[in-house]
Amino acid sequence: MRLVTGDTRYVDLDQPLVNAESAAYDLSFRAGFAQPTLRFKSADVAVGKSPTVTPDECAQEIQLSPVDAEVEVSQDLVLCAVTNGLGAVNEPARTKMARIVVNSVSKDNAVNLTVTTWEIPR
């Protein structure tokens, strides 16, 4: 994702979809004047231990070491988050665990992410 300083882009991790509608998004990406940030709608966010962190490890980190809903993006940062569960039309609502790995951050606010999601068993 690449934005002009001050712009915001909304991301739905359930579908997945960039430029999501305001009701469905899970996080927003903001190109700040210093460092780009990710701001999550949910408070269920934590820093993951590695790019291979499992859903169970993510859940444990969220319970034991949650972080603020707004996180400055840096290369190799790993985040765990619970989605809002609002998927595509005609898809049942189901929350998911998401692992977000920041692969790179360039000087022009381009951020390369890898996102993996798992359905949370009911």
Protein backbone atom coordinates (compact mmCIF):
# COMPACT_ATOMS: atom_id res chain seq x y z
CA MET A 1 0.00 0.00 0.00
CA ARG A 2 1.25 3.46 -0.79
CA LEU A 3 -0.38 6.67 0.41
CA VAL A 4 0.30 10.38 0.31
CA THR A 5 1.13 11.84 3.73
CA GLY A 6 -2.07 12.43 5.68
CA ASP A 7 -4.18 9.94 3.68
CA THR A 8 -5.95 6.94 5.20
CA ARG A 9 -6.91 3.62 3.61
CA TYR A 10 -9.37 1.17 5.20
CA VAL A 11 -8.73 -2.59 5.13
CA ASP A 12 -11.15 -5.46 5.77
CA LEU A 13 -9.20 -8.56 6.83
CA ASP A 14 -12.26 -10.83 6.63
CA GLN A 15 -12.91 -10.54 2.88
CA PRO A 16 -9.90 -9.47 2.35
CA LEU A 17 -10.39 -6.03 0.83
CA VAL A 18 -8.42 -2.80 0.60
CA ASN A 19 -10.51 0.39 0.36
CA ALA A 20 -13.24 -1.23 2.47
CA GLU A 21 -16.43 0.52 3.53
CA SER A 22 -16.38 2.16 6.92
CA ALA A 23 -18.75 -0.38 8.51
CA ALA A 24 -16.71 -3.43 7.48
CA TYR A 25 -13.09 -2.43 7.98
CA ASP A 26 -10.83 -4.01 10.59
CA LEU A 27 -7.91 -1.62 10.39
CA SER A 28 -6.91 1.63 8.79
CA PHE A 29 -3.53 2.42 7.31
CA ARG A 30 -2.45 6.03 7.73
CA ALA A 31 0.53 7.69 6.14
CA GLY A 32 1.65 10.02 8.89
CA PHE A 33 4.21 12.76 8.80
CA ALA A 34 6.76 10.58 10.57
CA GLN A 35 6.00 6.86 10.44
CA PRO A 36 2.98 5.13 8.85
CA THR A 37 0.52 3.63 11.34
CA LEU A 38 -2.04 0.85 11.48
CA ARG A 39 -5.09 1.61 13.61
CA PHE A 40 -7.31 -1.31 14.56
CA LYS A 41 -11.04 -1.04 15.34
CA SER A 42 -10.68 -3.83 17.90
CA ALA A 43 -8.63 -3.74 21.09
CA ASP A 44 -7.70 -7.39 20.45
CA VAL A 45 -4.23 -6.65 19.07
CA ALA A 46 -0.76 -7.81 20.13
CA VAL A 47 2.77 -8.01 18.82
CA GLY A 48 3.57 -11.51 17.58
CA LYS A 49 6.83 -13.25 18.48
CA SER A 50 7.76 -14.26 14.92
CA PRO A 51 6.48 -14.28 11.33
CA THR A 52 5.43 -17.90 11.89
CA VAL A 53 3.35 -17.28 15.04
CA THR A 54 0.38 -19.66 15.21
CA PRO A 55 -3.28 -18.77 15.89
CA ASP A 56 -3.03 -20.21 19.42
CA GLU A 57 0.12 -18.19 20.12
CA CYS A 58 -1.61 -15.07 18.76
CA ALA A 59 -4.59 -15.63 21.05
CA GLN A 60 -2.28 -16.02 24.03
CA GLU A 61 -0.36 -12.82 23.18
CA ILE A 62 -3.62 -10.88 22.82
CA GLN A 63 -4.77 -12.04 26.25
CA LEU A 64 -1.44 -11.52 28.04
CA SER A 65 0.19 -8.59 26.21
CA PRO A 66 -2.27 -6.47 24.23
CA VAL A 67 -0.98 -3.27 22.62
CA ASP A 68 -2.63 0.04 21.78
CA ALA A 69 -5.07 0.03 18.87
CA GLU A 70 -2.70 2.33 16.92
CA VAL A 71 0.70 0.85 16.04
CA GLU A 72 3.61 2.48 14.22
CA VAL A 73 4.66 0.34 11.29
CA SER A 74 8.25 -0.90 11.08
CA GLN A 75 9.94 -3.53 8.97
CA ASP A 76 9.65 -7.09 10.35
CA LEU A 77 6.90 -6.10 12.79
CA VAL A 78 4.46 -8.96 13.40
CA LEU A 79 0.98 -8.23 14.72
CA CYS A 80 -1.88 -10.47 15.79
CA ALA A 81 -5.46 -9.22 15.68
CA VAL A 82 -9.02 -10.48 15.90
CA THR A 83 -11.26 -9.35 13.03
CA ASN A 84 -14.82 -8.07 13.34
CA GLY A 85 -16.15 -11.09 11.44
CA LEU A 86 -18.03 -9.10 8.81
CA GLY A 87 -17.24 -10.99 5.62
CA ALA A 88 -18.45 -10.71 2.06
CA VAL A 89 -22.12 -10.53 1.14
CA ASN A 90 -23.87 -13.91 1.58
CA GLU A 91 -21.06 -15.10 3.85
CA PRO A 92 -21.85 -15.85 7.51
CA ALA A 93 -20.30 -13.55 10.11
CA ARG A 94 -17.26 -15.26 11.64
CA THR A 95 -14.41 -13.67 13.48
CA LYS A 96 -10.90 -14.60 12.40
CA MET A 97 -7.44 -14.43 13.88
CA ALA A 98 -5.08 -12.44 11.65
CA ARG A 99 -1.29 -12.50 11.53
CA ILE A 100 0.07 -9.35 9.89
CA VAL A 101 3.74 -9.30 8.90
CA VAL A 102 5.32 -6.02 7.77
CA ASN A 103 7.74 -7.06 5.03
CA SER A 104 9.02 -3.60 4.16
CA VAL A 105 8.47 0.12 4.71
CA SER A 106 9.92 2.58 2.21
CA LYS A 107 10.73 6.26 2.65
CA ASP A 108 7.74 7.20 0.46
CA ASN A 109 5.27 5.46 2.85
CA ALA A 110 4.89 2.31 0.74
CA VAL A 111 4.24 -0.62 3.07
CA ASN A 112 4.33 -4.28 2.02
CA LEU A 113 2.29 -6.58 4.28
CA THR A 114 1.60 -10.30 4.34
CA VAL A 115 -1.67 -11.18 6.05
CA THR A 116 -2.75 -14.68 7.06
CA THR A 117 -6.15 -15.33 8.64
CA TRP A 118 -7.66 -18.34 10.37
CA GLU A 119 -11.29 -18.87 11.32
CA ILE A 120 -11.80 -18.97 15.08
CA PRO A 121 -13.66 -22.15 16.07
CA ARG A 122 -17.02 -21.54 17.72
